[in-house]
Amino acid sequence: MQKTALLSVSDKSGLVPFARALVESHGYRLLSTGGTAKLLEKEGIPVTEVSDYTGFPEMMEGRVKTLHPKIHGGLLARRDKTDHMAAAAAHGIDMIDLVVVNLYPFEATVAKAEVSFELAIENIDIGGPSMLRSAAKNHASVSVVVDAADYDRVLAAMGDETALRKLRRELALKVFQRTAAYDGAIAKYLEGQIAEAPDLSDISGIPSALAIQLPQAQSLRYGENPHQQAALYGSFFDCFDQLQGKELSFNNIIDITAATYLIGEFQKPTVAILKHTNPCGVASADTLPEAWEQAYATDRQAPFGGIIVVNQTMDVDLAAVISQIFCEVIIAPDFTAEARELFAKKKNLRLMTAKDSLPADSLREIRSVVGGVLMQDRDTMPDRPGDWKIVSKRQPTAEEMRAMVFGWSVVKHVKSNAIVYAGCERTLGVGAGQMSRVDSSKIAVWKAGEAGLPLAGSIVASDAFFPFADGLIAAAEAGAVAAIQPGGSMRDEEVIAAADERDMVMIFTGKRHFKH
């Protein structure tokens, strides 16, 4: 009996040679719809319109064409059940042995600027997913193709029933992965539309249900440690280009993400050096070389094997200085040709260019927990110095204020408990991730001492309030003359009094920046 294939695709790349091979090499009869049928006819490939086969015309602007018992009966009928086959024969339903469908480009449509809601809705495919799911459910008998990359694999397996049966199961899985991602994209879009509707402004932007379906972007050699398997999913490489170096590791990718978020805080030429996602030196200056000198001076040990990120094109002069130390990754908006030529001598160095904008989903963070995931907005709400409250008797000088604005921009990117000592637009000492705020402060003071950077006249930034006056007193004894913190402790008055006794400036921002 002649086999039947149903072809109905939006993306027609590779379709014509595939369809021709089905007919000429494997004796298939072809059913098709709309533009796909017209293309096959134009290429001289015999094809029957679905409406001619079903005896039922397309209607409602093509919304109803493949939703018909002669289509879905031919896909879902079990060949091993006599009652299924008898019902098909009684109603003139032919078996469909192969389905090739890719879906309306919903994701690409809604990604366009200013796309209308009506256009987005019209690009929700109904018939396509229905045929795919019917065929995939009955993959014991039906081959189903949702990806043009699989055309050659299907042709190669024809004639070898064992190979074809194995391939069908794999292709069925691919179908359900694709339709799940498609449905997830639609749900995400509609959630966003509801959240943005002015008459529903009380609805949170956090989705009520979360479906995550991301393509694998890269298989990784291992995870945080060599005994852990790992892979990267999603659109990371839409945001970065890797110009040279070894394949990115799991830890590289996490560090690159942290570096990208940190450097986004600054407009002036800025250099940041990170290790294990924590900034160990950050500085802004009139030029990148000046910023580098000050950032590197904060800690000349920690950058070994770390990440360096800048927010302007890196030239060969700065590249020559940086190339003298070992680092894993360097990130910049661009590199001059001379800088790239210099770095090319370091074959393993990963050189990355960061693209101008981040995708919308970078505004959210997702972390796995036992039994599920946590989602939150990323800590991107702008800090407005005009909203801060000076709670000390002494007012800050202009230079102290600049230092506090800078320190506050850095401390939000340091693991809690976080303490940053800063001068005017440069870090002097960083203390991260300790169990007590006093311990973080001690480490920051020690690191500044190791670097030979005096803290006299510095400011101290704390990601959360000082619960007791002891932390502030320790900062004052180290040389800090001003402190910036959220405030909100039951002992705020004691902390303020300790600042006043030492003629320190104290600013409450009213906003905490925990980073767990």
Protein backbone atom coordinates (compact mmCIF):
# COMPACT_ATOMS: atom_id res chain seq x y z
CA MET A 1 0.00 0.00 0.00
CA GLN A 2 1.31 3.46 -0.88
CA LYS A 3 2.51 5.46 2.11
CA THR A 4 1.25 8.99 2.78
CA ALA A 5 3.12 12.02 4.12
CA LEU A 6 1.54 15.26 5.28
CA LEU A 7 3.76 18.32 4.88
CA SER A 8 2.74 21.72 6.28
CA VAL A 9 5.54 24.06 7.29
CA SER A 10 6.19 27.75 8.00
CA ASP A 11 9.94 27.40 7.61
CA LYS A 12 10.38 25.83 4.18
CA SER A 13 14.16 25.51 4.21
CA GLY A 14 15.25 22.11 2.94
CA LEU A 15 11.69 21.02 2.23
CA VAL A 16 11.83 20.69 -1.56
CA PRO A 17 14.69 18.13 -1.79
CA PHE A 18 13.17 16.22 1.12
CA ALA A 19 9.73 16.07 -0.51
CA ARG A 20 11.23 15.09 -3.85
CA ALA A 21 13.12 12.22 -2.21
CA LEU A 22 9.95 11.03 -0.50
CA VAL A 23 8.13 10.82 -3.84
CA GLU A 24 10.87 9.69 -6.19
CA SER A 25 12.94 7.42 -3.94
CA HIS A 26 10.37 6.12 -1.47
CA GLY A 27 7.06 6.26 -3.37
CA TYR A 28 5.14 8.52 -0.96
CA ARG A 29 1.90 10.34 -1.75
CA LEU A 30 2.02 13.90 -0.44
CA LEU A 31 -0.73 15.88 1.29
CA SER A 32 -0.17 19.53 1.99
CA THR A 33 -1.75 22.93 2.72
CA GLY A 34 -1.53 26.54 1.61
CA GLY A 35 1.89 27.93 0.85
CA THR A 36 3.59 24.56 1.30
CA ALA A 37 1.39 22.97 -1.38
CA LYS A 38 1.98 25.90 -3.74
CA LEU A 39 5.74 25.57 -3.33
CA LEU A 40 5.67 21.84 -4.09
CA GLU A 41 3.45 22.39 -7.14
CA LYS A 42 5.82 25.09 -8.40
CA GLU A 43 8.71 22.64 -8.09
CA GLY A 44 6.82 20.01 -10.06
CA ILE A 45 6.33 17.66 -7.11
CA PRO A 46 2.91 15.94 -7.14
CA VAL A 47 0.85 16.97 -4.13
CA THR A 48 -2.80 16.81 -3.00
CA GLU A 49 -4.34 19.71 -1.10
CA VAL A 50 -5.66 18.67 2.33
CA SER A 51 -9.03 20.27 1.54
CA ASP A 52 -9.34 18.08 -1.58
CA TYR A 53 -8.50 14.99 0.48
CA THR A 54 -10.91 15.76 3.34
CA GLY A 55 -13.65 17.15 1.10
CA PHE A 56 -13.89 20.03 3.51
CA PRO A 57 -12.73 23.53 2.49
CA GLU A 58 -10.35 25.70 4.47
CA MET A 59 -12.33 28.34 6.28
CA MET A 60 -12.13 31.16 8.79
CA GLU A 61 -8.94 32.56 7.24
CA GLY A 62 -7.25 29.16 7.41
CA ARG A 63 -7.97 28.61 11.10
CA VAL A 64 -9.82 25.41 10.23
CA LYS A 65 -8.14 23.18 7.67
CA THR A 66 -6.34 20.22 9.24
CA LEU A 67 -8.64 19.79 12.24
CA HIS A 68 -10.57 16.97 10.59
CA PRO A 69 -11.20 13.24 11.37
CA LYS A 70 -9.61 12.17 8.07
CA ILE A 71 -6.38 13.83 9.23
CA HIS A 72 -6.31 12.92 12.90
CA GLY A 73 -7.87 9.50 12.33
CA GLY A 74 -5.08 8.74 9.88
CA LEU A 75 -2.51 9.82 12.46
CA LEU A 76 -3.97 8.25 15.59
CA ALA A 77 -5.31 4.90 14.32
CA ARG A 78 -3.39 2.00 15.79
CA ARG A 79 -2.38 -0.34 12.99
CA ASP A 80 -2.35 -3.33 15.38
CA LYS A 81 -6.02 -2.93 16.41
CA THR A 82 -8.62 -4.35 14.04
CA ASP A 83 -11.40 -2.13 15.36
CA HIS A 84 -9.30 1.00 14.67
CA MET A 85 -8.57 -0.13 11.13
CA ALA A 86 -12.19 -1.15 10.53
CA ALA A 87 -13.43 2.29 11.65
CA ALA A 88 -10.90 3.96 9.36
CA ALA A 89 -12.01 1.87 6.39
CA ALA A 90 -15.68 2.53 7.10
CA HIS A 91 -15.12 6.29 7.04
CA GLY A 92 -12.66 6.48 4.16
CA ILE A 93 -9.70 7.41 6.37
CA ASP A 94 -6.29 6.63 4.89
CA MET A 95 -3.30 6.06 7.15
CA ILE A 96 -0.78 8.91 7.34
CA ASP A 97 2.71 7.54 7.86
CA LEU A 98 4.78 10.70 8.07
CA VAL A 99 4.04 14.22 9.32
CA VAL A 100 6.33 17.19 8.73
CA VAL A 101 5.19 20.32 10.54
CA ASN A 102 6.94 23.35 11.99
CA LEU A 103 4.91 25.95 13.75
CA TYR A 104 3.83 29.53 13.12
CA PRO A 105 6.75 31.72 14.28
CA PHE A 106 5.11 32.92 17.48
CA GLU A 107 8.36 33.54 19.41
CA ALA A 108 9.89 35.54 16.55
CA THR A 109 6.68 37.53 16.12
CA VAL A 110 6.36 38.66 19.74
CA ALA A 111 10.10 39.46 19.88
CA LYS A 112 9.59 42.26 17.36
CA ALA A 113 9.27 45.79 18.67
CA GLU A 114 5.74 47.18 18.80
CA VAL A 115 4.09 43.91 17.74
CA SER A 116 0.33 44.21 18.15
CA PHE A 117 -1.60 41.90 20.44
CA GLU A 118 -3.85 40.91 17.53
CA LEU A 119 -0.89 39.87 15.38
CA ALA A 120 0.58 37.87 18.24
CA ILE A 121 -2.69 35.98 18.71
CA GLU A 122 -2.94 35.21 14.99
CA ASN A 123 0.52 33.63 15.19
CA ILE A 124 -0.63 31.05 17.72
CA ASP A 125 -0.63 27.80 15.78
CA ILE A 126 -3.47 25.38 16.56
CA GLY A 127 -3.54 22.82 13.76
CA GLY A 128 0.23 22.35 13.71
CA PRO A 129 0.66 21.35 17.38
CA SER A 130 -2.46 19.18 17.12
CA MET A 131 -1.03 17.19 14.21
CA LEU A 132 2.38 16.97 15.84
CA ARG A 133 0.95 15.66 19.09
CA SER A 134 -1.30 13.14 17.34
CA ALA A 135 1.61 11.81 15.29
CA ALA A 136 3.98 11.78 18.26
CA LYS A 137 1.49 9.90 20.41
CA ASN A 138 1.28 7.22 17.70
CA HIS A 139 5.01 7.20 16.96
CA ALA A 140 5.00 3.39 16.94
CA SER A 141 3.57 3.75 13.43
CA VAL A 142 4.00 7.39 12.43
CA SER A 143 7.24 9.31 11.81
CA VAL A 144 6.99 12.96 12.87
CA VAL A 145 9.41 15.74 12.00
CA VAL A 146 9.37 19.16 13.66
CA ASP A 147 12.92 20.21 12.78
CA ALA A 148 14.29 20.52 9.24
CA ALA A 149 17.66 19.34 10.58
CA ASP A 150 16.13 15.85 10.86
CA TYR A 151 15.14 15.46 7.19
CA ASP A 152 18.29 13.57 6.22
CA ARG A 153 18.09 11.32 9.27
CA VAL A 154 14.54 10.29 8.36
CA LEU A 155 15.47 9.53 4.76
CA ALA A 156 18.51 7.54 5.89
CA ALA A 157 16.39 5.39 8.24
CA MET A 158 13.76 4.50 5.63
CA GLY A 159 14.08 0.89 4.59
CA ASP A 160 15.49 -0.16 7.96
CA GLU A 161 12.50 -0.72 10.23
CA THR A 162 14.60 -1.19 13.36
CA ALA A 163 16.46 2.08 12.81
CA LEU A 164 13.24 3.89 11.90
CA ARG A 165 11.44 2.66 15.01
CA LYS A 166 14.27 3.92 17.21
CA LEU A 167 14.34 7.26 15.40
CA ARG A 168 10.57 7.69 15.71
CA ARG A 169 10.75 7.58 19.50
CA GLU A 170 13.51 10.19 19.51
CA LEU A 171 11.54 12.42 17.12
CA ALA A 172 8.40 12.07 19.24
CA LEU A 173 10.31 13.31 22.27
CA LYS A 174 11.54 16.25 20.23
CA VAL A 175 7.95 17.08 19.28
CA PHE A 176 6.74 17.22 22.86
CA GLN A 177 9.76 19.29 23.86
CA ARG A 178 9.00 21.73 21.04
CA THR A 179 5.26 22.00 21.73
CA ALA A 180 5.95 22.46 25.46
CA ALA A 181 8.35 25.31 24.68
CA TYR A 182 5.83 26.79 22.24
CA ASP A 183 3.02 26.70 24.80
CA GLY A 184 5.39 28.15 27.39
CA ALA A 185 6.25 31.07 25.11
CA ILE A 186 2.55 31.79 24.56
CA ALA A 187 1.80 31.62 28.28
CA LYS A 188 4.73 33.89 29.07
CA TYR A 189 3.57 36.44 26.49
CA LEU A 190 0.00 36.43 27.77
CA GLU A 191 1.17 36.72 31.39
CA GLY A 192 3.11 39.81 30.35
CA GLN A 193 0.12 41.30 28.57
CA ILE A 194 -2.09 40.82 31.60
CA ALA A 195 0.53 42.28 33.92
CA GLU A 196 0.90 45.35 31.69
CA ALA A 197 -2.83 45.98 31.33
CA PRO A 198 -3.71 49.26 33.08
CA ASP A 199 -6.91 47.89 34.59
CA LEU A 200 -5.03 44.95 36.11
CA SER A 201 -2.12 46.87 37.61
CA ASP A 202 -2.35 44.99 40.88
CA ILE A 203 -1.38 41.71 39.22
CA SER A 204 2.26 40.79 39.88
CA GLY A 205 4.69 40.46 37.03
CA ILE A 206 5.81 37.15 38.55
CA PRO A 207 3.98 34.38 36.61
CA SER A 208 1.40 32.28 38.44
CA ALA A 209 2.80 29.17 36.74
CA LEU A 210 6.31 28.68 35.45
CA ALA A 211 7.16 26.59 32.39
CA ILE A 212 10.83 26.45 31.45
CA GLN A 213 11.81 24.91 28.12
CA LEU A 214 15.18 26.04 26.83
CA PRO A 215 17.34 24.58 24.07
CA GLN A 216 20.76 23.28 25.03
CA ALA A 217 23.29 25.90 23.95
CA GLN A 218 26.40 23.98 24.91
CA SER A 219 27.37 20.79 26.67
CA LEU A 220 29.97 21.61 29.32
CA ARG A 221 32.97 19.50 30.27
CA TYR A 222 31.75 19.49 33.88
CA GLY A 223 29.99 21.64 36.47
CA GLU A 224 31.44 23.45 39.47
CA ASN A 225 33.65 20.39 40.05
CA PRO A 226 34.96 17.71 37.66
CA HIS A 227 32.67 15.02 39.06
CA GLN A 228 29.51 17.03 38.23
CA GLN A 229 27.87 16.84 34.80
CA ALA A 230 26.64 20.15 33.36
CA ALA A 231 25.22 21.91 30.32
CA LEU A 232 24.25 25.47 29.35
CA TYR A 233 20.71 26.16 28.15
CA GLY A 234 19.08 29.23 26.65
CA SER A 235 20.37 32.29 24.79
CA PHE A 236 23.61 33.12 26.62
CA PHE A 237 25.51 33.35 23.32
CA ASP A 238 23.01 35.89 21.99
CA CYS A 239 24.52 38.26 24.56
CA PHE A 240 28.21 37.48 24.07
CA ASP A 241 30.65 36.51 21.34
CA GLN A 242 33.67 34.42 22.27
CA LEU A 243 36.59 35.62 20.19
CA GLN A 244 39.21 33.12 21.34
CA GLY A 245 40.23 30.72 24.07
CA LYS A 246 39.15 27.47 25.62
CA GLU A 247 35.52 26.44 25.85
CA LEU A 248 33.70 28.28 28.62
CA SER A 249 33.32 26.37 31.85
CA PHE A 250 30.34 26.27 34.21
CA ASN A 251 32.13 28.61 36.62
CA ASN A 252 33.23 30.95 33.80
CA ILE A 253 29.62 31.42 32.74
CA ILE A 254 28.49 32.26 36.26
CA ASP A 255 31.39 34.71 36.69
CA ILE A 256 30.73 36.34 33.31
CA THR A 257 27.12 36.90 34.32
CA ALA A 258 28.15 38.52 37.63
CA ALA A 259 30.72 40.70 35.85
CA THR A 260 28.17 41.84 33.27
CA TYR A 261 25.67 42.91 35.92
CA LEU A 262 28.35 44.72 37.93
CA ILE A 263 29.85 46.72 35.04
CA GLY A 264 26.35 47.83 34.05
CA GLU A 265 26.28 50.07 37.14
CA PHE A 266 28.84 52.51 35.71
CA GLN A 267 28.96 55.10 32.94
CA LYS A 268 32.52 56.43 33.28
CA PRO A 269 35.43 54.31 32.06
CA THR A 270 35.41 51.46 34.59
CA VAL A 271 37.37 48.29 35.26
CA ALA A 272 36.12 45.51 37.53
CA ILE A 273 38.06 42.41 38.60
CA LEU A 274 36.03 39.51 39.97
CA LYS A 275 36.80 36.16 41.55
CA HIS A 276 34.09 33.59 42.29
CA THR A 277 31.47 36.25 41.39
CA ASN A 278 32.76 38.71 44.02
CA PRO A 279 34.37 41.98 42.96
CA CYS A 280 37.88 42.19 44.38
CA GLY A 281 38.73 45.49 42.73
CA VAL A 282 36.63 48.13 40.96
CA ALA A 283 37.49 51.65 39.84
CA SER A 284 36.17 54.40 37.58
CA ALA A 285 38.43 57.08 36.10
CA ASP A 286 38.84 59.36 33.10
CA THR A 287 40.56 56.56 31.17
CA LEU A 288 40.57 52.77 31.32
CA PRO A 289 44.32 52.55 32.12
CA GLU A 290 43.80 54.81 35.16
CA ALA A 291 40.80 52.74 36.23
CA TRP A 292 42.82 49.53 35.80
CA GLU A 293 45.66 50.75 38.01
CA GLN A 294 43.27 51.63 40.82
CA ALA A 295 41.13 48.49 40.51
CA TYR A 296 44.18 46.20 40.40
CA ALA A 297 45.77 48.03 43.35
CA THR A 298 42.86 46.94 45.58
CA ASP A 299 44.00 43.32 45.49
CA ARG A 300 46.97 42.10 43.44
CA GLN A 301 46.54 38.44 44.48
CA ALA A 302 42.86 37.64 43.99
CA PRO A 303 42.78 38.46 40.23
CA PHE A 304 44.93 35.38 39.53
CA GLY A 305 42.57 33.12 37.55
CA GLY A 306 39.80 35.72 37.78
CA ILE A 307 37.55 37.70 35.44
CA ILE A 308 38.30 41.20 34.14
CA VAL A 309 35.53 43.33 32.65
CA VAL A 310 35.65 46.85 31.18
CA ASN A 311 32.93 49.06 29.75
CA GLN A 312 34.86 50.61 26.84
CA THR A 313 36.88 49.28 23.91
CA MET A 314 40.17 47.86 25.15
CA ASP A 315 43.28 49.05 23.31
CA VAL A 316 46.67 47.42 23.00
CA ASP A 317 48.30 49.50 25.75
CA LEU A 318 45.90 48.24 28.40
CA ALA A 319 45.98 44.77 26.88
CA ALA A 320 49.77 44.73 27.28
CA VAL A 321 49.48 45.50 30.99
CA ILE A 322 46.70 42.99 31.65
CA SER A 323 48.44 40.25 29.68
CA GLN A 324 51.17 40.22 32.32
CA ILE A 325 48.86 38.46 34.79
CA PHE A 326 46.99 35.20 34.42
CA CYS A 327 43.24 35.53 34.15
CA GLU A 328 40.53 33.22 32.85
CA VAL A 329 38.27 35.65 30.98
CA ILE A 330 38.41 39.24 29.73
CA ILE A 331 35.16 40.95 28.71
CA ALA A 332 34.79 44.23 26.83
CA PRO A 333 32.35 45.84 24.39
CA ASP A 334 35.16 45.49 21.83
CA PHE A 335 38.93 45.11 21.42
CA THR A 336 41.16 46.91 18.96
CA ALA A 337 42.79 44.76 16.30
CA GLU A 338 46.18 45.27 17.98
CA ALA A 339 44.79 44.19 21.37
CA ARG A 340 43.31 41.05 19.83
CA GLU A 341 46.60 40.26 18.13
CA LEU A 342 48.39 40.56 21.46
CA PHE A 343 45.88 38.42 23.36
CA ALA A 344 45.97 35.80 20.58
CA LYS A 345 49.35 34.74 21.94
CA LYS A 346 47.52 33.45 25.02
CA LYS A 347 45.69 30.56 23.36
CA ASN A 348 43.69 29.54 26.44
CA LEU A 349 42.55 33.04 27.43
CA ARG A 350 38.84 33.42 26.84
CA LEU A 351 38.17 36.77 25.18
CA MET A 352 34.53 37.86 25.16
CA THR A 353 32.69 40.80 23.64
CA ALA A 354 29.47 41.82 25.36
CA LYS A 355 26.60 43.02 23.21
CA ASP A 356 24.79 46.26 23.90
CA SER A 357 21.63 44.99 25.54
CA LEU A 358 20.55 42.11 27.70
CA PRO A 359 17.38 40.08 27.05
CA ALA A 360 14.27 40.80 29.05
CA ASP A 361 14.60 37.57 31.02
CA SER A 362 17.84 38.91 32.52
CA LEU A 363 15.61 41.06 34.73
CA ARG A 364 14.60 37.89 36.60
CA GLU A 365 16.62 35.37 38.56
CA ILE A 366 15.74 31.70 38.99
CA ARG A 367 17.44 29.41 41.50
CA SER A 368 16.82 25.77 42.17
CA VAL A 369 15.69 24.66 45.60
CA VAL A 370 14.54 21.36 47.03
CA GLY A 371 11.41 20.41 45.12
CA GLY A 372 11.26 23.45 42.84
CA VAL A 373 12.69 26.82 41.97
CA LEU A 374 12.65 30.34 43.34
CA MET A 375 12.07 33.32 41.06
CA GLN A 376 12.69 36.96 41.86
CA ASP A 377 13.25 40.27 40.14
CA ARG A 378 16.94 41.00 39.77
CA ASP A 379 18.21 43.76 42.08
CA THR A 380 18.11 46.46 39.42
CA MET A 381 15.92 49.16 40.98
CA PRO A 382 17.98 52.36 40.65
CA ASP A 383 19.39 53.96 43.78
CA ARG A 384 18.63 57.66 43.90
CA PRO A 385 20.95 59.64 46.18
CA GLY A 386 18.31 62.34 46.37
CA ASP A 387 16.09 59.88 48.25
CA TRP A 388 18.78 58.97 50.78
CA LYS A 389 18.62 60.32 54.30
CA ILE A 390 21.62 61.89 56.03
CA VAL A 391 21.07 60.87 59.67
CA SER A 392 24.35 62.13 61.16
CA LYS A 393 25.02 65.61 62.43
CA ARG A 394 27.83 66.13 59.95
CA GLN A 395 26.98 66.60 56.29
CA PRO A 396 29.10 64.81 53.63
CA THR A 397 31.60 66.67 51.50
CA ALA A 398 31.20 66.38 47.72
CA GLU A 399 34.10 63.90 47.57
CA GLU A 400 32.65 61.78 50.37
CA MET A 401 29.33 61.71 48.59
CA ARG A 402 30.94 60.53 45.35
CA ALA A 403 32.74 57.81 47.25
CA MET A 404 29.52 56.66 48.92
CA VAL A 405 27.63 56.56 45.63
CA PHE A 406 30.45 54.46 44.18
CA GLY A 407 30.74 52.15 47.18
CA TRP A 408 27.00 51.60 47.26
CA SER A 409 27.05 50.61 43.56
CA VAL A 410 29.72 48.00 44.26
CA VAL A 411 28.50 46.54 47.56
CA LYS A 412 25.23 45.31 46.01
CA HIS A 413 27.32 42.91 43.90
CA VAL A 414 29.28 41.46 46.84
CA LYS A 415 28.05 38.32 48.61
CA SER A 416 26.44 39.00 51.98
CA ASN A 417 27.51 39.89 54.55
CA ALA A 418 29.15 42.55 52.38
CA ILE A 419 31.44 45.40 53.36
CA VAL A 420 33.23 47.70 50.92
CA TYR A 421 35.73 50.40 51.85
CA ALA A 422 36.05 52.92 49.06
CA GLY A 423 37.71 56.15 48.14
CA CYS A 424 36.56 58.48 45.43
CA GLU A 425 35.39 56.06 42.68
CA ARG A 426 37.69 53.21 43.69
CA THR A 427 37.58 50.25 46.03
CA LEU A 428 40.12 50.05 48.86
CA GLY A 429 39.07 46.85 50.61
CA VAL A 430 36.31 44.27 50.11
CA GLY A 431 34.95 41.82 52.66
CA ALA A 432 32.48 39.22 51.37
CA GLY A 433 30.31 36.37 52.49
CA GLN A 434 31.14 36.17 56.18
CA MET A 435 28.78 35.01 58.91
CA SER A 436 29.03 38.35 60.72
CA ARG A 437 29.29 41.87 59.39
CA VAL A 438 32.18 42.61 61.75
CA ASP A 439 34.14 39.70 60.27
CA SER A 440 33.53 41.02 56.74
CA SER A 441 34.76 44.43 57.88
CA LYS A 442 37.89 42.91 59.43
CA ILE A 443 38.68 41.07 56.20
CA ALA A 444 38.18 44.25 54.13
CA VAL A 445 40.52 46.16 56.47
CA TRP A 446 43.08 43.36 56.31
CA LYS A 447 42.92 43.22 52.49
CA ALA A 448 43.45 46.99 52.30
CA GLY A 449 46.47 46.64 54.59
CA GLU A 450 47.87 43.82 52.45
CA ALA A 451 47.50 46.06 49.40
CA GLY A 452 49.16 48.98 51.17
CA LEU A 453 46.07 51.17 50.79
CA PRO A 454 45.41 53.46 53.77
CA LEU A 455 41.78 53.70 54.85
CA ALA A 456 42.13 57.12 56.47
CA GLY A 457 39.42 59.30 54.94
CA SER A 458 37.62 56.34 53.31
CA ILE A 459 33.93 55.53 53.31
CA VAL A 460 32.40 52.19 54.27
CA ALA A 461 29.38 50.68 52.51
CA SER A 462 27.34 47.90 54.10
CA ASP A 463 24.76 45.91 52.12
CA ALA A 464 22.48 45.67 55.18
CA PHE A 465 22.12 47.61 58.41
CA PHE A 466 24.66 47.55 61.21
CA PRO A 467 22.79 45.58 63.91
CA PHE A 468 25.07 46.98 66.59
CA ALA A 469 27.40 49.92 66.87
CA ASP A 470 30.47 47.66 67.01
CA GLY A 471 30.67 47.32 63.22
CA LEU A 472 30.59 51.04 62.70
CA ILE A 473 33.12 51.65 65.48
CA ALA A 474 35.48 49.13 63.85
CA ALA A 475 35.14 51.01 60.56
CA ALA A 476 35.89 54.32 62.25
CA GLU A 477 38.96 52.85 63.94
CA ALA A 478 40.14 51.64 60.53
CA GLY A 479 39.95 55.22 59.22
CA ALA A 480 36.48 55.52 57.66
CA VAL A 481 34.94 58.97 57.91
CA ALA A 482 31.55 58.14 56.39
CA ALA A 483 29.22 55.16 56.25
CA ILE A 484 26.36 54.27 53.91
CA GLN A 485 23.89 51.56 54.87
CA PRO A 486 20.15 50.80 54.56
CA GLY A 487 19.23 51.56 58.17
CA GLY A 488 16.33 49.82 59.86
CA SER A 489 17.99 48.23 62.88
CA MET A 490 16.35 48.31 66.29
CA ARG A 491 19.59 49.95 67.42
CA ASP A 492 19.82 52.58 64.68
CA GLU A 493 19.95 55.35 67.28
CA GLU A 494 22.97 53.74 68.96
CA VAL A 495 24.73 53.40 65.61
CA ILE A 496 23.96 57.02 64.68
CA ALA A 497 25.20 58.19 68.09
CA ALA A 498 28.45 56.25 67.58
CA ALA A 499 28.88 57.98 64.21
CA ASP A 500 28.25 61.42 65.71
CA GLU A 501 30.71 60.76 68.56
CA ARG A 502 33.37 60.16 65.90
CA ASP A 503 32.29 63.02 63.62
CA MET A 504 31.35 60.53 60.92
CA VAL A 505 28.80 60.99 58.18
CA MET A 506 26.01 58.42 58.18
CA ILE A 507 23.59 57.90 55.29
CA PHE A 508 20.54 55.63 55.34
CA THR A 509 19.47 54.54 51.86
CA GLY A 510 16.31 52.73 52.97
CA LYS A 511 17.17 49.84 50.63
CA ARG A 512 18.94 46.58 51.46
CA HIS A 513 21.14 44.74 48.96
CA PHE A 514 21.49 41.20 50.29
CA LYS A 515 23.15 38.85 47.79
CA HIS A 516 23.01 35.22 48.94
